[in-house]
Amino acid sequence: MTTEDVVIAARPEEPTSRLTTSGTAEGRLIGGNLDMVAASAGWALPDMHGAILLLEAIGLYPGQVDRQMTMLRKAGHLYGLLGVAIGQFTNFEFDRSYSVIDILREHLAELKVPILGGLPLGHGDRPASAFIGAIAELDAKAGILAIRCGNT
């Protein structure tokens, strides 16, 4: 627990770092585990307009990721986002010719917002903690997600 701002630096060794684009965004940090985000669509998922969406996942099949991202996108839940922060996708095979990175890239590229991948958030090695609901600043070029914990 802290009232100090938290700065989380992307790790180039995280496979999702390949999703990083460019640009900056500032907005409320919403999201978390992809399975939970998709399950809450239509009844508990907050409005994403003006938000930064955080996604991480563990042990899903590529088809599950595609299905969940398709549902979120086609239902309009991803429109209005200002940026996307991608954490750890744990227990995935990244060495396939078509991996979860390609699936995420296809869905997220349509949003035309800054994407910062490689964040140590999720269920992988040495994960950090993020304050969901706080105002965050995403800087894809600098590779950081800064979360304001003092004044949300």
Protein backbone atom coordinates (compact mmCIF):
# COMPACT_ATOMS: atom_id res chain seq x y z
CA MET A 1 0.00 0.00 0.00
CA THR A 2 1.29 3.42 -0.91
CA THR A 3 0.18 6.95 -1.56
CA GLU A 4 3.20 7.51 -3.77
CA ASP A 5 2.91 7.25 -7.54
CA VAL A 6 3.92 3.85 -8.90
CA VAL A 7 6.03 3.65 -12.05
CA ILE A 8 6.14 0.28 -13.79
CA ALA A 9 8.75 -0.20 -16.49
CA ALA A 10 8.18 -2.60 -19.35
CA ARG A 11 10.57 -5.53 -19.58
CA PRO A 12 11.98 -6.22 -23.04
CA GLU A 13 12.31 -9.92 -22.19
CA GLU A 14 8.52 -10.24 -21.75
CA PRO A 15 7.05 -11.65 -24.99
CA THR A 16 4.25 -9.07 -24.98
CA SER A 17 6.83 -6.29 -25.36
CA ARG A 18 6.59 -6.99 -29.11
CA LEU A 19 3.15 -5.36 -29.06
CA THR A 20 4.49 -1.94 -28.05
CA THR A 21 3.69 0.86 -30.48
CA SER A 22 4.27 4.55 -29.84
CA GLY A 23 2.45 7.43 -28.24
CA THR A 24 1.16 8.46 -24.85
CA ALA A 25 -2.18 8.25 -23.09
CA GLU A 26 -3.64 9.31 -19.78
CA GLY A 27 -6.79 7.89 -18.25
CA ARG A 28 -8.31 5.64 -15.63
CA LEU A 29 -6.61 2.20 -15.52
CA ILE A 30 -9.29 -0.46 -16.01
CA GLY A 31 -9.05 -4.18 -16.60
CA GLY A 32 -6.84 -7.00 -15.46
CA ASN A 33 -7.11 -10.67 -16.32
CA LEU A 34 -8.54 -11.11 -19.85
CA ASP A 35 -10.77 -14.00 -18.76
CA MET A 36 -12.32 -11.85 -16.02
CA VAL A 37 -12.65 -8.78 -18.24
CA ALA A 38 -14.48 -10.83 -20.90
CA ALA A 39 -16.70 -12.51 -18.29
CA SER A 40 -17.79 -9.12 -16.94
CA ALA A 41 -18.76 -7.70 -20.36
CA GLY A 42 -22.40 -6.74 -20.54
CA TRP A 43 -23.04 -6.59 -16.82
CA ALA A 44 -20.06 -5.45 -14.72
CA LEU A 45 -17.51 -4.01 -17.15
CA PRO A 46 -17.23 -0.24 -16.64
CA ASP A 47 -17.40 2.23 -19.50
CA MET A 48 -14.02 2.23 -21.25
CA HIS A 49 -14.28 5.68 -22.84
CA GLY A 50 -11.24 7.69 -21.80
CA ALA A 51 -9.60 4.70 -20.07
CA ILE A 52 -6.39 2.73 -20.38
CA LEU A 53 -7.17 -0.98 -20.58
CA LEU A 54 -4.84 -3.37 -18.77
CA LEU A 55 -4.83 -6.98 -20.00
CA GLU A 56 -2.95 -10.05 -18.80
CA ALA A 57 -3.78 -13.75 -19.02
CA ILE A 58 -2.72 -17.17 -17.87
CA GLY A 59 -3.05 -20.54 -19.57
CA LEU A 60 -5.68 -19.84 -22.23
CA TYR A 61 -5.78 -21.49 -25.63
CA PRO A 62 -5.14 -19.09 -28.53
CA GLY A 63 -8.73 -19.62 -29.68
CA GLN A 64 -10.02 -18.48 -26.30
CA VAL A 65 -7.99 -15.27 -26.50
CA ASP A 66 -9.27 -14.64 -30.03
CA ARG A 67 -12.87 -15.34 -29.01
CA GLN A 68 -12.69 -13.05 -25.96
CA MET A 69 -11.00 -10.22 -27.85
CA THR A 70 -13.49 -10.58 -30.73
CA MET A 71 -16.43 -10.39 -28.33
CA LEU A 72 -15.05 -7.35 -26.50
CA ARG A 73 -14.29 -5.56 -29.77
CA LYS A 74 -17.50 -6.40 -31.63
CA ALA A 75 -19.66 -5.57 -28.61
CA GLY A 76 -18.05 -2.11 -28.60
CA HIS A 77 -16.36 -2.44 -25.22
CA LEU A 78 -12.92 -1.51 -26.57
CA TYR A 79 -13.94 1.65 -28.41
CA GLY A 80 -13.18 4.93 -26.73
CA LEU A 81 -10.04 3.59 -25.08
CA LEU A 82 -7.10 5.99 -24.97
CA GLY A 83 -4.44 3.29 -24.59
CA VAL A 84 -3.74 -0.37 -23.84
CA ALA A 85 -1.28 -1.75 -21.28
CA ILE A 86 -0.36 -5.40 -21.84
CA GLY A 87 1.00 -7.43 -18.97
CA GLN A 88 2.19 -11.00 -18.77
CA PHE A 89 0.60 -13.73 -20.85
CA THR A 90 1.76 -16.71 -18.83
CA ASN A 91 1.83 -20.34 -20.03
CA PHE A 92 1.50 -19.48 -23.71
CA GLU A 93 3.61 -20.82 -26.60
CA PHE A 94 5.23 -17.79 -28.20
CA ASP A 95 7.46 -19.67 -30.65
CA ARG A 96 4.59 -20.71 -32.93
CA SER A 97 4.32 -19.23 -36.42
CA TYR A 98 1.04 -17.62 -35.31
CA SER A 99 0.98 -16.95 -31.57
CA VAL A 100 -1.13 -15.03 -29.08
CA ILE A 101 1.02 -11.97 -29.89
CA ASP A 102 -0.34 -12.04 -33.47
CA ILE A 103 -3.92 -12.46 -32.20
CA LEU A 104 -3.60 -9.51 -29.83
CA ARG A 105 -1.91 -7.35 -32.46
CA GLU A 106 -4.75 -7.95 -34.94
CA HIS A 107 -7.43 -6.95 -32.45
CA LEU A 108 -5.59 -4.04 -30.83
CA ALA A 109 -4.26 -2.46 -34.04
CA GLU A 110 -7.83 -1.62 -35.06
CA LEU A 111 -8.16 0.62 -32.00
CA LYS A 112 -5.41 2.98 -33.20
CA VAL A 113 -4.27 3.83 -29.66
CA PRO A 114 -0.85 3.62 -27.96
CA ILE A 115 0.00 0.11 -26.76
CA LEU A 116 2.61 -0.68 -24.13
CA GLY A 117 3.47 -4.36 -23.83
CA GLY A 118 6.00 -6.16 -21.68
CA LEU A 119 4.65 -4.92 -18.37
CA PRO A 120 5.41 -7.18 -15.41
CA LEU A 121 1.76 -7.40 -14.42
CA GLY A 122 0.00 -10.74 -14.18
CA HIS A 123 0.95 -14.25 -13.14
CA GLY A 124 4.48 -14.44 -14.53
CA ASP A 125 7.93 -13.95 -13.09
CA ARG A 126 8.30 -11.16 -10.48
CA PRO A 127 4.97 -9.43 -11.12
CA ALA A 128 4.37 -5.89 -9.94
CA SER A 129 1.08 -4.60 -8.55
CA ALA A 130 -1.15 -1.99 -10.16
CA PHE A 131 -3.91 0.10 -8.63
CA ILE A 132 -6.91 -0.55 -10.86
CA GLY A 133 -9.18 2.47 -11.02
CA ALA A 134 -6.42 5.02 -10.54
CA ILE A 135 -5.41 7.58 -13.15
CA ALA A 136 -2.44 6.31 -15.14
CA GLU A 137 -0.09 7.69 -17.75
CA LEU A 138 1.14 5.32 -20.45
CA ASP A 139 4.27 6.26 -22.42
CA ALA A 140 4.98 3.62 -25.04
CA LYS A 141 8.25 5.17 -26.24
CA ALA A 142 9.67 5.47 -22.71
CA GLY A 143 8.27 2.02 -21.84
CA ILE A 144 6.55 3.08 -18.61
CA LEU A 145 3.14 3.02 -17.00
CA ALA A 146 2.90 5.60 -14.21
CA ILE A 147 -0.02 5.18 -11.82
CA ARG A 148 -1.14 8.04 -9.59
CA CYS A 149 -1.95 6.55 -6.21
CA GLY A 150 -2.25 9.73 -4.18
CA ASN A 151 -5.06 11.52 -6.03
CA THR A 152 -7.35 9.26 -8.03
